[in-house]
Amino acid sequence: MSSGPAEVFRTRSTRARAAVSGLARLDQDRLRQAMGRLADDLAAGRRHERHRDLLDADALDVGYRLVAAG
């Protein structure tokens, strides 16, 4: 796996999702269903076909910001 825009589609671990407040606040049953559909799409290659332009991008701004003190 490479880092970059493609990582948006790979955040399937429960622990990683819990660290993203927007995902942590969603109904967890619906989120599990959505992640299951995402896993199926990734396994079948459908996600890559639909979003090839994102996978080839050098950067992707999805609105997340890291603020660090110190």
Foldseek 3Di string as FASTA:
>chain_A
DDDALCVVLVQLDPVSLCVPVVSVPDDVVVVNVVSVVSVVCVVVVVVCVVPVVRVPDRHDCPPDDDDDDD
